[in-house]
């Protein structure tokens, strides 16, 4: 095993700063509302949903039942076989939906735009967002979704892959958005603009993904349990002989 953290308790500011992250995760979770927000602007549905999400996340964060908002770290050692907590399973499943589904739909939308000349992202969100989200939920039920599995045994690698995804997805979509805004202001033709957004999106994806896979980005270093060594079981606060590797 390898020690993941040395602190025994999370500081208040650390817990507070994690709460807005989970508010954002759950606020953008309904894909239809998020797509409408970016294309048409906010309406009453967004306000009501935001108020509900804020209320629940503040409540659960104050109780220490959101990842990063705990009173003490739950995962203290990489390679420690302990049960994953239900709120971690729910939160990281939602986070994977936010990361992967819009990214996949934007990628497919850009491919269709440059091959057919039609922008059909609205239809993709309408018909594919929730089926794709359901696939990730199914992956959690089958114990396949990283960081949302029943055990934290492989957290040292799963955490790294989660950050690889986050580092890749966010800049790629921002790059495509910036290309769209810049191209629109410069009066670029629709076909050329589609290719510009395509290049920005997939070019950024390739570069950032390579940096993440090669562990050159923060929090992307992976810890893999040595083969042939039996997994240790325990719980936070238990006495463990830690072997640094």
Protein backbone atom coordinates (compact mmCIF):
# COMPACT_ATOMS: atom_id res chain seq x y z
CA UNK A 1 0.00 0.00 0.00
CA UNK A 2 0.90 3.64 -0.21
CA UNK A 3 -0.23 6.45 2.06
CA UNK A 4 -2.55 8.78 0.15
CA UNK A 5 -2.86 11.60 2.70
CA UNK A 6 -1.07 12.51 5.91
CA UNK A 7 -3.72 14.76 7.47
CA UNK A 8 -6.12 13.30 9.99
CA UNK A 9 -8.88 15.86 9.47
CA UNK A 10 -9.98 18.08 6.60
CA UNK A 11 -9.79 21.80 7.27
CA UNK A 12 -13.00 23.81 7.13
CA UNK A 13 -11.99 25.81 4.05
CA UNK A 14 -11.13 22.55 2.23
CA UNK A 15 -14.60 21.18 2.97
CA UNK A 16 -16.34 24.43 2.01
CA UNK A 17 -14.48 24.73 -1.31
CA UNK A 18 -15.64 21.28 -2.39
CA UNK A 19 -19.33 22.09 -1.97
CA UNK A 20 -19.63 24.37 -5.06
CA UNK A 21 -18.01 21.64 -7.16
CA UNK A 22 -20.77 19.20 -6.30
CA UNK A 23 -23.43 21.88 -6.74
CA UNK A 24 -22.16 22.32 -10.30
CA UNK A 25 -22.00 18.55 -10.89
CA UNK A 26 -25.64 18.02 -9.97
CA UNK A 27 -26.88 21.28 -11.49
CA UNK A 28 -25.71 20.32 -14.98
CA UNK A 29 -26.70 16.66 -14.60
CA UNK A 30 -30.07 16.97 -16.44
CA UNK A 31 -28.74 17.27 -19.99
CA UNK A 32 -31.91 18.75 -21.44
CA UNK A 33 -31.86 21.64 -18.96
CA UNK A 34 -28.15 22.25 -19.49
CA UNK A 35 -28.46 22.31 -23.28
CA UNK A 36 -31.39 24.74 -23.03
CA UNK A 37 -29.37 26.93 -20.66
CA UNK A 38 -26.50 27.29 -23.15
CA UNK A 39 -28.68 27.74 -26.22
CA UNK A 40 -31.61 29.81 -24.90
CA UNK A 41 -30.49 31.16 -21.56
CA UNK A 42 -31.87 30.53 -18.07
CA UNK A 43 -35.55 30.18 -17.27
CA UNK A 44 -37.64 29.26 -14.23
CA UNK A 45 -36.74 25.57 -14.50
CA UNK A 46 -33.06 26.36 -14.03
CA UNK A 47 -33.76 28.52 -10.97
CA UNK A 48 -35.91 25.88 -9.26
CA UNK A 49 -33.43 23.11 -10.01
CA UNK A 50 -30.49 25.23 -8.82
CA UNK A 51 -32.23 26.06 -5.55
CA UNK A 52 -32.99 22.38 -4.95
CA UNK A 53 -29.41 21.33 -5.74
CA UNK A 54 -27.90 24.04 -3.54
CA UNK A 55 -30.14 23.11 -0.62
CA UNK A 56 -29.32 19.41 -0.81
CA UNK A 57 -25.59 19.87 -1.43
CA UNK A 58 -25.18 22.39 1.41
CA UNK A 59 -27.06 20.02 3.72
CA UNK A 60 -25.03 16.98 2.73
CA UNK A 61 -21.77 18.93 2.67
CA UNK A 62 -22.38 20.31 6.16
CA UNK A 63 -23.04 16.73 7.33
CA UNK A 64 -19.76 15.57 5.74
CA UNK A 65 -21.51 13.40 3.18
CA UNK A 66 -20.01 14.71 -0.05
CA UNK A 67 -16.55 13.75 -1.36
CA UNK A 68 -14.04 16.28 -0.07
CA UNK A 69 -16.52 17.60 2.49
CA UNK A 70 -15.88 14.84 5.02
CA UNK A 71 -14.61 15.71 8.48
CA UNK A 72 -11.67 13.37 7.86
CA UNK A 73 -10.36 11.77 4.66
CA UNK A 74 -12.03 8.46 3.87
CA UNK A 75 -9.37 7.07 1.52
CA UNK A 76 -6.13 7.36 3.46
CA UNK A 77 -4.09 4.64 1.68
CA UNK A 78 -3.92 3.53 -1.93
CA UNK A 79 -4.52 -0.20 -2.17
CA UNK A 80 -6.64 -0.45 0.97
CA UNK A 81 -9.66 -2.67 0.46
CA UNK A 82 -12.54 -0.94 2.22
CA UNK A 83 -16.19 -0.52 1.20
CA UNK A 84 -16.99 2.54 -0.86
CA UNK A 85 -19.57 4.81 0.73
CA UNK A 86 -23.00 5.26 -0.93
CA UNK A 87 -22.66 9.02 -1.30
CA UNK A 88 -19.30 8.59 -3.05
CA UNK A 89 -20.87 6.11 -5.45
CA UNK A 90 -23.70 8.51 -6.30
CA UNK A 91 -21.49 11.58 -6.60
CA UNK A 92 -18.83 10.03 -8.80
CA UNK A 93 -21.41 8.36 -11.01
CA UNK A 94 -22.99 11.79 -11.56
CA UNK A 95 -19.57 13.32 -12.21
CA UNK A 96 -18.77 10.70 -14.86
CA UNK A 97 -22.10 11.42 -16.56
CA UNK A 98 -21.23 15.13 -16.64
CA UNK A 99 -17.78 14.44 -18.04
CA UNK A 100 -18.40 11.75 -20.62
CA UNK A 101 -21.89 12.22 -22.02
CA UNK A 102 -21.70 15.88 -23.17
CA UNK A 103 -18.18 15.22 -24.45
CA UNK A 104 -19.37 12.23 -26.50
CA UNK A 105 -22.35 14.16 -27.86
CA UNK A 106 -20.22 17.17 -28.80
CA UNK A 107 -17.71 14.89 -30.52
CA UNK A 108 -20.47 13.16 -32.48
CA UNK A 109 -22.08 16.50 -33.30
CA UNK A 110 -18.82 17.86 -34.70
CA UNK A 111 -18.24 14.73 -36.78
CA UNK A 112 -21.74 15.05 -38.25
CA UNK A 113 -21.21 18.77 -38.87
CA UNK A 114 -18.06 18.30 -40.95
CA UNK A 115 -19.37 15.23 -42.81
CA UNK A 116 -22.97 16.24 -43.49
CA UNK A 117 -22.85 20.03 -43.13
CA UNK A 118 -25.65 19.90 -40.54
CA UNK A 119 -25.47 20.83 -36.88
CA UNK A 120 -27.68 18.34 -35.04
CA UNK A 121 -26.54 18.65 -31.44
CA UNK A 122 -30.04 19.44 -30.21
CA UNK A 123 -31.33 16.14 -31.60
CA UNK A 124 -28.39 14.26 -30.13
CA UNK A 125 -29.11 15.66 -26.68
CA UNK A 126 -32.80 14.88 -27.05
CA UNK A 127 -32.35 11.26 -28.08
CA UNK A 128 -28.99 10.12 -26.72
CA UNK A 129 -28.21 12.03 -23.52
CA UNK A 130 -30.27 9.93 -21.12
CA UNK A 131 -29.51 6.54 -22.77
CA UNK A 132 -25.79 7.30 -22.51
CA UNK A 133 -26.20 8.46 -18.92
CA UNK A 134 -28.07 5.23 -18.20
CA UNK A 135 -25.09 3.26 -19.54
CA UNK A 136 -22.83 4.89 -16.96
CA UNK A 137 -25.34 4.14 -14.21
CA UNK A 138 -25.42 0.55 -15.46
CA UNK A 139 -21.62 0.50 -15.27
CA UNK A 140 -21.88 1.50 -11.61
CA UNK A 141 -24.42 -1.23 -10.93
CA UNK A 142 -22.05 -3.73 -12.56
CA UNK A 143 -19.17 -2.42 -10.40
CA UNK A 144 -17.26 -1.01 -13.38
CA UNK A 145 -17.34 2.78 -12.94
CA UNK A 146 -14.03 4.14 -11.54
CA UNK A 147 -14.32 5.72 -8.08
CA UNK A 148 -17.93 4.48 -7.88
CA UNK A 149 -17.09 0.82 -7.38
CA UNK A 150 -18.01 -1.14 -4.27
CA UNK A 151 -14.44 -1.06 -2.94
CA UNK A 152 -11.77 1.64 -2.81
CA UNK A 153 -9.05 -0.95 -3.48
CA UNK A 154 -8.02 0.54 -6.85
CA UNK A 155 -8.60 4.19 -5.91
CA UNK A 156 -4.92 5.01 -6.56
CA UNK A 157 -5.40 4.39 -10.29
CA UNK A 158 -9.10 5.24 -10.59
CA UNK A 159 -8.60 8.69 -9.09
CA UNK A 160 -5.87 9.39 -11.64
CA UNK A 161 -8.06 8.34 -14.57
CA UNK A 162 -10.87 10.52 -13.24
CA UNK A 163 -8.56 13.52 -13.36
CA UNK A 164 -7.29 12.55 -16.81
CA UNK A 165 -10.91 12.69 -17.97
CA UNK A 166 -11.55 16.02 -16.25
CA UNK A 167 -8.37 17.60 -17.62
CA UNK A 168 -9.24 16.40 -21.13
CA UNK A 169 -12.95 17.08 -21.36
CA UNK A 170 -13.12 20.61 -19.99
CA UNK A 171 -10.37 22.26 -22.13
CA UNK A 172 -11.52 20.44 -25.27
CA UNK A 173 -15.06 21.78 -24.97
CA UNK A 174 -13.84 25.24 -24.05
CA UNK A 175 -11.59 25.22 -27.13
CA UNK A 176 -14.51 24.29 -29.38
CA UNK A 177 -16.65 27.01 -27.81
CA UNK A 178 -13.89 29.60 -28.23
CA UNK A 179 -13.46 28.60 -31.89
CA UNK A 180 -17.19 29.03 -32.41
CA UNK A 181 -17.22 32.47 -30.80
CA UNK A 182 -14.12 33.64 -32.60
CA UNK A 183 -15.21 32.26 -35.96
CA UNK A 184 -18.65 33.82 -35.60
CA UNK A 185 -17.19 37.24 -34.82
CA UNK A 186 -14.86 37.00 -37.81
CA UNK A 187 -17.69 36.01 -40.14
CA UNK A 188 -16.21 32.60 -41.01
CA UNK A 189 -18.39 30.52 -43.33
CA UNK A 190 -20.42 27.77 -41.66
CA UNK A 191 -18.52 24.90 -43.31
CA UNK A 192 -15.15 26.39 -42.42
CA UNK A 193 -16.32 27.13 -38.90
CA UNK A 194 -17.36 23.51 -38.44
CA UNK A 195 -13.87 22.35 -39.39
CA UNK A 196 -12.31 25.01 -37.13
CA UNK A 197 -14.34 23.76 -34.17
CA UNK A 198 -13.55 20.16 -35.11
CA UNK A 199 -9.81 20.87 -35.16
CA UNK A 200 -9.92 22.81 -31.89
CA UNK A 201 -11.92 20.11 -30.12
CA UNK A 202 -10.03 17.03 -31.26
CA UNK A 203 -6.63 18.72 -31.31
CA UNK A 204 -7.01 19.83 -27.70
CA UNK A 205 -8.33 16.40 -26.76
CA UNK A 206 -5.31 14.65 -28.28
CA UNK A 207 -2.76 16.92 -26.58
CA UNK A 208 -4.35 16.96 -23.12
CA UNK A 209 -5.14 13.25 -23.20
CA UNK A 210 -1.51 12.47 -24.02
CA UNK A 211 -0.33 14.67 -21.16
CA UNK A 212 -2.71 12.92 -18.80
CA UNK A 213 -1.84 9.38 -19.88
CA UNK A 214 1.86 10.13 -19.49
CA UNK A 215 1.15 11.52 -15.99
CA UNK A 216 2.36 15.04 -16.80
CA UNK A 217 -0.73 16.76 -15.37
CA UNK A 218 -1.57 17.31 -11.69
CA UNK A 219 -3.17 14.32 -9.93
CA UNK A 220 -2.74 11.99 -12.91
CA UNK A 221 0.04 9.88 -11.37
CA UNK A 222 -1.31 6.37 -10.95
CA UNK A 223 -0.68 3.94 -8.12
CA UNK A 224 -1.21 0.30 -9.09
CA UNK A 225 -1.19 -2.38 -6.43
CA UNK A 226 1.77 -4.77 -6.78
CA UNK A 227 0.75 -8.09 -8.30
CA UNK A 228 0.87 -11.09 -6.03
CA UNK A 229 0.42 -9.01 -2.86
CA UNK A 230 -2.86 -9.71 -1.02
CA UNK A 231 -5.08 -6.67 -0.55
CA UNK A 232 -5.21 -5.30 2.97
CA UNK A 233 -8.56 -4.54 4.51
CA UNK A 234 -9.25 -1.80 6.95
CA UNK A 235 -11.13 1.36 7.73
CA UNK A 236 -10.21 4.99 8.45
CA UNK A 237 -8.35 5.26 11.71
CA UNK A 238 -7.30 1.62 11.82
CA UNK A 239 -3.72 0.71 12.59
CA UNK A 240 -1.90 -0.27 9.39
CA UNK A 241 1.65 -1.02 8.50
CA UNK A 242 2.22 1.26 5.52
CA UNK A 243 4.63 0.24 2.80
CA UNK A 244 5.57 3.19 0.60
CA UNK A 245 6.21 2.29 -3.03
